[in-house]
Amino acid sequence: MADIQSPVPGTFYHRPSPEDAPFKAEGDAVAAGDTIGLVEVMKSFIEVEAEEAGTFGGYSVENEAAVSAGDVLATLK
């Protein structure tokens, strides 16, 4: 089990745009470097990437939630 943490404070998004599907769904395979979400900081979007491979365990915060640096955003199994 591994946690994927926010690199910066901001607003976390599960999907690239409101009409798109989330980057990952529970049970999806995840490769190191896969984007699992975006953090918006002052109109800039920073990709949140998995640091290791595994199976996506789910998001730990709601879509469009305010997050701080180091907050757990999702888990890998």
PDB file of N, CA and C in Angstrom:
ATOM      1  N   MET A   1       0.847  -1.172   0.000  1.00  0.00           N
ATOM      2  CA  MET A   1       0.000   0.000   0.000  1.00  0.00           C
ATOM      3  C   MET A   1       0.900   1.246   0.000  1.00  0.00           C
ATOM      4  N   ALA A   2       0.626   2.182  -0.878  1.00  0.00           N
ATOM      5  CA  ALA A   2       1.411   3.412  -0.951  1.00  0.00           C
ATOM      6  C   ALA A   2       0.466   4.595  -1.080  1.00  0.00           C
ATOM      7  N   ASP A   3       0.875   5.715  -0.512  1.00  0.00           N
ATOM      8  CA  ASP A   3       0.087   6.939  -0.606  1.00  0.00           C
ATOM      9  C   ASP A   3       0.651   7.835  -1.697  1.00  0.00           C
ATOM     10  N   ILE A   4      -0.241   8.508  -2.403  1.00  0.00           N
ATOM     11  CA  ILE A   4       0.166   9.536  -3.363  1.00  0.00           C
ATOM     12  C   ILE A   4      -0.187  10.866  -2.722  1.00  0.00           C
ATOM     13  N   GLN A   5       0.830  11.703  -2.516  1.00  0.00           N
ATOM     14  CA  GLN A   5       0.645  12.944  -1.782  1.00  0.00           C
ATOM     15  C   GLN A   5       0.671  14.158  -2.705  1.00  0.00           C
ATOM     16  N   SER A   6       0.035  15.222  -2.237  1.00  0.00           N
ATOM     17  CA  SER A   6       0.038  16.477  -2.984  1.00  0.00           C
ATOM     18  C   SER A   6       1.421  17.118  -2.904  1.00  0.00           C
ATOM     19  N   PRO A   7       1.971  17.518  -4.061  1.00  0.00           N
ATOM     20  CA  PRO A   7       3.280  18.173  -4.039  1.00  0.00           C
ATOM     21  C   PRO A   7       3.204  19.629  -3.575  1.00  0.00           C
ATOM     22  N   VAL A   8       2.031  20.233  -3.709  1.00  0.00           N
ATOM     23  CA  VAL A   8       1.847  21.657  -3.386  1.00  0.00           C
ATOM     24  C   VAL A   8       0.436  21.885  -2.837  1.00  0.00           C
ATOM     25  N   PRO A   9       0.209  23.010  -2.157  1.00  0.00           N
ATOM     26  CA  PRO A   9      -1.159  23.339  -1.745  1.00  0.00           C
ATOM     27  C   PRO A   9      -1.951  23.879  -2.932  1.00  0.00           C
ATOM     28  N   GLY A  10      -3.257  23.634  -2.931  1.00  0.00           N
ATOM     29  CA  GLY A  10      -4.105  24.142  -4.006  1.00  0.00           C
ATOM     30  C   GLY A  10      -5.433  23.415  -4.032  1.00  0.00           C
ATOM     31  N   THR A  11      -6.033  23.330  -5.211  1.00  0.00           N
ATOM     32  CA  THR A  11      -7.302  22.637  -5.409  1.00  0.00           C
ATOM     33  C   THR A  11      -7.034  21.379  -6.226  1.00  0.00           C
ATOM     34  N   PHE A  12      -7.483  20.227  -5.712  1.00  0.00           N
ATOM     35  CA  PHE A  12      -7.216  18.946  -6.365  1.00  0.00           C
ATOM     36  C   PHE A  12      -8.371  18.550  -7.277  1.00  0.00           C
ATOM     37  N   TYR A  13      -8.031  18.100  -8.474  1.00  0.00           N
ATOM     38  CA  TYR A  13      -9.025  17.658  -9.453  1.00  0.00           C
ATOM     39  C   TYR A  13      -8.759  16.205  -9.840  1.00  0.00           C
ATOM     40  N   HIS A  14      -9.828  15.392  -9.844  1.00  0.00           N
ATOM     41  CA  HIS A  14      -9.739  13.979 -10.240  1.00  0.00           C
ATOM     42  C   HIS A  14      -9.698  13.821 -11.756  1.00  0.00           C
ATOM     43  N   ARG A  15     -10.163  14.836 -12.491  1.00  0.00           N
ATOM     44  CA  ARG A  15     -10.315  14.696 -13.945  1.00  0.00           C
ATOM     45  C   ARG A  15      -9.686  15.886 -14.667  1.00  0.00           C
ATOM     46  N   PRO A  16      -9.285  15.690 -15.928  1.00  0.00           N
ATOM     47  CA  PRO A  16      -8.623  16.772 -16.668  1.00  0.00           C
ATOM     48  C   PRO A  16      -9.549  17.946 -16.989  1.00  0.00           C
ATOM     49  N   SER A  17     -10.842  17.688 -17.145  1.00  0.00           N
ATOM     50  CA  SER A  17     -11.837  18.738 -17.359  1.00  0.00           C
ATOM     51  C   SER A  17     -13.180  18.211 -16.856  1.00  0.00           C
ATOM     52  N   PRO A  18     -14.133  19.092 -16.579  1.00  0.00           N
ATOM     53  CA  PRO A  18     -15.404  18.643 -15.984  1.00  0.00           C
ATOM     54  C   PRO A  18     -16.146  17.570 -16.780  1.00  0.00           C
ATOM     55  N   GLU A  19     -15.994  17.559 -18.108  1.00  0.00           N
ATOM     56  CA  GLU A  19     -16.729  16.576 -18.911  1.00  0.00           C
ATOM     57  C   GLU A  19     -15.962  15.272 -19.128  1.00  0.00           C
ATOM     58  N   ASP A  20     -14.714  15.217 -18.699  1.00  0.00           N
ATOM     59  CA  ASP A  20     -13.904  14.009 -18.866  1.00  0.00           C
ATOM     60  C   ASP A  20     -14.064  13.048 -17.685  1.00  0.00           C
ATOM     61  N   ALA A  21     -13.731  11.786 -17.936  1.00  0.00           N
ATOM     62  CA  ALA A  21     -13.728  10.778 -16.865  1.00  0.00           C
ATOM     63  C   ALA A  21     -12.534  11.041 -15.942  1.00  0.00           C
ATOM     64  N   PRO A  22     -12.597  10.553 -14.700  1.00  0.00           N
ATOM     65  CA  PRO A  22     -11.442  10.692 -13.803  1.00  0.00           C
ATOM     66  C   PRO A  22     -10.196  10.037 -14.412  1.00  0.00           C
ATOM     67  N   PHE A  23      -9.028  10.523 -13.999  1.00  0.00           N
ATOM     68  CA  PHE A  23      -7.769   9.954 -14.488  1.00  0.00           C
ATOM     69  C   PHE A  23      -7.694   8.464 -14.192  1.00  0.00           C
ATOM     70  N   LYS A  24      -8.104   8.060 -12.987  1.00  0.00           N
ATOM     71  CA  LYS A  24      -8.042   6.655 -12.589  1.00  0.00           C
ATOM     72  C   LYS A  24      -9.297   6.276 -11.816  1.00  0.00           C
ATOM     73  N   ALA A  25      -9.676   5.005 -11.912  1.00  0.00           N
ATOM     74  CA  ALA A  25     -10.783   4.453 -11.137  1.00  0.00           C
ATOM     75  C   ALA A  25     -10.220   3.340 -10.257  1.00  0.00           C
ATOM     76  N   GLU A  26     -10.894   3.069  -9.161  1.00  0.00           N
ATOM     77  CA  GLU A  26     -10.453   2.020  -8.249  1.00  0.00           C
ATOM     78  C   GLU A  26     -10.275   0.715  -9.014  1.00  0.00           C
ATOM     79  N   GLY A  27      -9.132   0.073  -8.816  1.00  0.00           N
ATOM     80  CA  GLY A  27      -8.836  -1.191  -9.492  1.00  0.00           C
ATOM     81  C   GLY A  27      -8.017  -1.042 -10.760  1.00  0.00           C
ATOM     82  N   ASP A  28      -7.873   0.204 -11.267  1.00  0.00           N
ATOM     83  CA  ASP A  28      -7.066   0.430 -12.474  1.00  0.00           C
ATOM     84  C   ASP A  28      -5.590   0.144 -12.202  1.00  0.00           C
ATOM     85  N   ALA A  29      -4.899  -0.353 -13.221  1.00  0.00           N
ATOM     86  CA  ALA A  29      -3.449  -0.508 -13.134  1.00  0.00           C
ATOM     87  C   ALA A  29      -2.813   0.873 -13.218  1.00  0.00           C
ATOM     88  N   VAL A  30      -1.774   1.080 -12.425  1.00  0.00           N
ATOM     89  CA  VAL A  30      -1.051   2.353 -12.411  1.00  0.00           C
ATOM     90  C   VAL A  30       0.427   2.052 -12.638  1.00  0.00           C
ATOM     91  N   ALA A  31       1.023   2.751 -13.588  1.00  0.00           N
ATOM     92  CA  ALA A  31       2.465   2.649 -13.825  1.00  0.00           C
ATOM     93  C   ALA A  31       3.148   3.855 -13.187  1.00  0.00           C
ATOM     94  N   ALA A  32       4.392   3.708 -12.820  1.00  0.00           N
ATOM     95  CA  ALA A  32       5.151   4.847 -12.294  1.00  0.00           C
ATOM     96  C   ALA A  32       5.125   5.954 -13.341  1.00  0.00           C
ATOM     97  N   GLY A  33       4.798   7.159 -12.910  1.00  0.00           N
ATOM     98  CA  GLY A  33       4.726   8.295 -13.830  1.00  0.00           C
ATOM     99  C   GLY A  33       3.333   8.585 -14.361  1.00  0.00           C
ATOM    100  N   ASP A  34       2.367   7.691 -14.114  1.00  0.00           N
ATOM    101  CA  ASP A  34       0.988   7.948 -14.549  1.00  0.00           C
ATOM    102  C   ASP A  34       0.413   9.142 -13.791  1.00  0.00           C
ATOM    103  N   THR A  35      -0.317   9.993 -14.501  1.00  0.00           N
ATOM    104  CA  THR A  35      -0.995  11.119 -13.870  1.00  0.00           C
ATOM    105  C   THR A  35      -2.275  10.614 -13.221  1.00  0.00           C
ATOM    106  N   ILE A  36      -2.474  10.945 -11.945  1.00  0.00           N
ATOM    107  CA  ILE A  36      -3.691  10.520 -11.240  1.00  0.00           C
ATOM    108  C   ILE A  36      -4.595  11.711 -10.910  1.00  0.00           C
ATOM    109  N   GLY A  37      -4.092  12.925 -11.129  1.00  0.00           N
ATOM    110  CA  GLY A  37      -4.894  14.104 -10.840  1.00  0.00           C
ATOM    111  C   GLY A  37      -4.111  15.372 -11.114  1.00  0.00           C
ATOM    112  N   LEU A  38      -4.767  16.506 -10.849  1.00  0.00           N
ATOM    113  CA  LEU A  38      -4.163  17.818 -11.044  1.00  0.00           C
ATOM    114  C   LEU A  38      -4.365  18.644  -9.792  1.00  0.00           C
ATOM    115  N   VAL A  39      -3.366  19.464  -9.453  1.00  0.00           N
ATOM    116  CA  VAL A  39      -3.519  20.449  -8.387  1.00  0.00           C
ATOM    117  C   VAL A  39      -3.396  21.822  -9.044  1.00  0.00           C
ATOM    118  N   GLU A  40      -4.414  22.648  -8.843  1.00  0.00           N
ATOM    119  CA  GLU A  40      -4.405  24.003  -9.387  1.00  0.00           C
ATOM    120  C   GLU A  40      -3.869  24.972  -8.336  1.00  0.00           C
ATOM    121  N   VAL A  41      -2.889  25.742  -8.743  1.00  0.00           N
ATOM    122  CA  VAL A  41      -2.308  26.772  -7.888  1.00  0.00           C
ATOM    123  C   VAL A  41      -2.236  28.054  -8.704  1.00  0.00           C
ATOM    124  N   MET A  42      -3.023  29.043  -8.321  1.00  0.00           N
ATOM    125  CA  MET A  42      -3.001  30.346  -9.002  1.00  0.00           C
ATOM    126  C   MET A  42      -3.122  30.203 -10.522  1.00  0.00           C
ATOM    127  N   LYS A  43      -4.111  29.476 -10.984  1.00  0.00           N
ATOM    128  CA  LYS A  43      -4.418  29.267 -12.413  1.00  0.00           C
ATOM    129  C   LYS A  43      -3.411  28.393 -13.147  1.00  0.00           C
ATOM    130  N   SER A  44      -2.454  27.806 -12.433  1.00  0.00           N
ATOM    131  CA  SER A  44      -1.520  26.854 -13.031  1.00  0.00           C
ATOM    132  C   SER A  44      -1.893  25.456 -12.560  1.00  0.00           C
ATOM    133  N   PHE A  45      -1.825  24.483 -13.466  1.00  0.00           N
ATOM    134  CA  PHE A  45      -2.169  23.106 -13.126  1.00  0.00           C
ATOM    135  C   PHE A  45      -0.905  22.257 -13.065  1.00  0.00           C
ATOM    136  N   ILE A  46      -0.730  21.578 -11.943  1.00  0.00           N
ATOM    137  CA  ILE A  46       0.428  20.720 -11.724  1.00  0.00           C
ATOM    138  C   ILE A  46      -0.057  19.277 -11.723  1.00  0.00           C
ATOM    139  N   GLU A  47       0.543  18.448 -12.587  1.00  0.00           N
ATOM    140  CA  GLU A  47       0.163  17.040 -12.641  1.00  0.00           C
ATOM    141  C   GLU A  47       0.665  16.316 -11.403  1.00  0.00           C
ATOM    142  N   VAL A  48      -0.198  15.487 -10.826  1.00  0.00           N
ATOM    143  CA  VAL A  48       0.188  14.630  -9.707  1.00  0.00           C
ATOM    144  C   VAL A  48       0.417  13.249 -10.298  1.00  0.00           C
ATOM    145  N   GLU A  49       1.637  12.745 -10.158  1.00  0.00           N
ATOM    146  CA  GLU A  49       2.008  11.469 -10.767  1.00  0.00           C
ATOM    147  C   GLU A  49       2.286  10.407  -9.711  1.00  0.00           C
ATOM    148  N   ALA A  50       1.993   9.174 -10.065  1.00  0.00           N
ATOM    149  CA  ALA A  50       2.331   8.044  -9.195  1.00  0.00           C
ATOM    150  C   ALA A  50       3.841   7.844  -9.231  1.00  0.00           C
ATOM    151  N   GLU A  51       4.449   7.620  -8.077  1.00  0.00           N
ATOM    152  CA  GLU A  51       5.891   7.418  -8.017  1.00  0.00           C
ATOM    153  C   GLU A  51       6.268   5.947  -8.187  1.00  0.00           C
ATOM    154  N   GLU A  52       5.273   5.065  -8.066  1.00  0.00           N
ATOM    155  CA  GLU A  52       5.534   3.636  -8.247  1.00  0.00           C
ATOM    156  C   GLU A  52       4.330   2.985  -8.901  1.00  0.00           C
ATOM    157  N   ALA A  53       4.520   1.767  -9.379  1.00  0.00           N
ATOM    158  CA  ALA A  53       3.439   1.020 -10.025  1.00  0.00           C
ATOM    159  C   ALA A  53       2.598   0.314  -8.975  1.00  0.00           C
ATOM    160  N   GLY A  54       1.358   0.033  -9.331  1.00  0.00           N
ATOM    161  CA  GLY A  54       0.463  -0.686  -8.436  1.00  0.00           C
ATOM    162  C   GLY A  54      -0.948  -0.681  -8.982  1.00  0.00           C
ATOM    163  N   THR A  55      -1.894  -0.962  -8.112  1.00  0.00           N
ATOM    164  CA  THR A  55      -3.313  -0.943  -8.451  1.00  0.00           C
ATOM    165  C   THR A  55      -3.945   0.228  -7.720  1.00  0.00           C
ATOM    166  N   PHE A  56      -4.720   1.035  -8.448  1.00  0.00           N
ATOM    167  CA  PHE A  56      -5.308   2.237  -7.862  1.00  0.00           C
ATOM    168  C   PHE A  56      -6.322   1.850  -6.789  1.00  0.00           C
ATOM    169  N   GLY A  57      -6.104   2.362  -5.590  1.00  0.00           N
ATOM    170  CA  GLY A  57      -6.983   2.050  -4.462  1.00  0.00           C
ATOM    171  C   GLY A  57      -8.115   3.042  -4.277  1.00  0.00           C
ATOM    172  N   GLY A  58      -8.027   4.186  -4.929  1.00  0.00           N
ATOM    173  CA  GLY A  58      -9.083   5.192  -4.837  1.00  0.00           C
ATOM    174  C   GLY A  58      -8.546   6.530  -4.366  1.00  0.00           C
ATOM    175  N   TYR A  59      -9.367   7.547  -4.590  1.00  0.00           N
ATOM    176  CA  TYR A  59      -9.024   8.899  -4.147  1.00  0.00           C
ATOM    177  C   TYR A  59      -9.336   9.043  -2.667  1.00  0.00           C
ATOM    178  N   SER A  60      -8.497   9.798  -1.965  1.00  0.00           N
ATOM    179  CA  SER A  60      -8.674  10.026  -0.528  1.00  0.00           C
ATOM    180  C   SER A  60      -9.357  11.352  -0.232  1.00  0.00           C
ATOM    181  N   VAL A  61      -9.427  12.226  -1.236  1.00  0.00           N
ATOM    182  CA  VAL A  61     -10.096  13.524  -1.078  1.00  0.00           C
ATOM    183  C   VAL A  61     -11.102  13.698  -2.205  1.00  0.00           C
ATOM    184  N   GLU A  62     -12.095  14.526  -1.958  1.00  0.00           N
ATOM    185  CA  GLU A  62     -13.131  14.787  -2.960  1.00  0.00           C
ATOM    186  C   GLU A  62     -12.563  15.580  -4.133  1.00  0.00           C
ATOM    187  N   ASN A  63     -13.207  15.462  -5.288  1.00  0.00           N
ATOM    188  CA  ASN A  63     -12.869  16.285  -6.445  1.00  0.00           C
ATOM    189  C   ASN A  63     -13.086  17.749  -6.075  1.00  0.00           C
ATOM    190  N   GLU A  64     -12.170  18.604  -6.491  1.00  0.00           N
ATOM    191  CA  GLU A  64     -12.209  20.051  -6.246  1.00  0.00           C
ATOM    192  C   GLU A  64     -12.019  20.422  -4.774  1.00  0.00           C
ATOM    193  N   ALA A  65     -11.408  19.530  -4.010  1.00  0.00           N
ATOM    194  CA  ALA A  65     -11.128  19.807  -2.592  1.00  0.00           C
ATOM    195  C   ALA A  65      -9.861  20.644  -2.459  1.00  0.00           C
ATOM    196  N   ALA A  66      -9.847  21.502  -1.455  1.00  0.00           N
ATOM    197  CA  ALA A  66      -8.632  22.245  -1.118  1.00  0.00           C
ATOM    198  C   ALA A  66      -7.680  21.289  -0.405  1.00  0.00           C
ATOM    199  N   VAL A  67      -6.431  21.279  -0.830  1.00  0.00           N
ATOM    200  CA  VAL A  67      -5.435  20.390  -0.241  1.00  0.00           C
ATOM    201  C   VAL A  67      -4.184  21.179   0.137  1.00  0.00           C
ATOM    202  N   SER A  68      -3.428  20.614   1.066  1.00  0.00           N
ATOM    203  CA  SER A  68      -2.141  21.184   1.467  1.00  0.00           C
ATOM    204  C   SER A  68      -1.027  20.284   0.948  1.00  0.00           C
ATOM    205  N   ALA A  69       0.165  20.810   0.860  1.00  0.00           N
ATOM    206  CA  ALA A  69       1.309  19.997   0.467  1.00  0.00           C
ATOM    207  C   ALA A  69       1.459  18.850   1.452  1.00  0.00           C
ATOM    208  N   GLY A  70       1.615  17.640   0.927  1.00  0.00           N
ATOM    209  CA  GLY A  70       1.776  16.466   1.770  1.00  0.00           C
ATOM    210  C   GLY A  70       0.483  15.724   2.081  1.00  0.00           C
ATOM    211  N   ASP A  71      -0.675  16.334   1.767  1.00  0.00           N
ATOM    212  CA  ASP A  71      -1.948  15.627   1.978  1.00  0.00           C
ATOM    213  C   ASP A  71      -2.007  14.384   1.093  1.00  0.00           C
ATOM    214  N   VAL A  72      -2.568  13.300   1.605  1.00  0.00           N
ATOM    215  CA  VAL A  72      -2.746  12.085   0.818  1.00  0.00           C
ATOM    216  C   VAL A  72      -3.932  12.285  -0.123  1.00  0.00           C
ATOM    217  N   LEU A  73      -3.665  12.166  -1.420  1.00  0.00           N
ATOM    218  CA  LEU A  73      -4.691  12.371  -2.440  1.00  0.00           C
ATOM    219  C   LEU A  73      -5.319  11.061  -2.896  1.00  0.00           C
ATOM    220  N   ALA A  74      -4.520  10.002  -2.918  1.00  0.00           N
ATOM    221  CA  ALA A  74      -4.982   8.698  -3.397  1.00  0.00           C
ATOM    222  C   ALA A  74      -4.062   7.628  -2.849  1.00  0.00           C
ATOM    223  N   THR A  75      -4.510   6.374  -2.990  1.00  0.00           N
ATOM    224  CA  THR A  75      -3.697   5.254  -2.529  1.00  0.00           C
ATOM    225  C   THR A  75      -3.480   4.252  -3.643  1.00  0.00           C
ATOM    226  N   LEU A  76      -2.379   3.536  -3.544  1.00  0.00           N
ATOM    227  CA  LEU A  76      -2.073   2.424  -4.441  1.00  0.00           C
ATOM    228  C   LEU A  76      -1.999   1.155  -3.610  1.00  0.00           C
ATOM    229  N   LYS A  77      -2.448   0.066  -4.202  1.00  0.00           N
ATOM    230  CA  LYS A  77      -2.354  -1.240  -3.541  1.00  0.00           C
ATOM    231  C   LYS A  77      -1.240  -2.040  -4.190  1.00  0.00           C
TER     232      LYS A  77
END
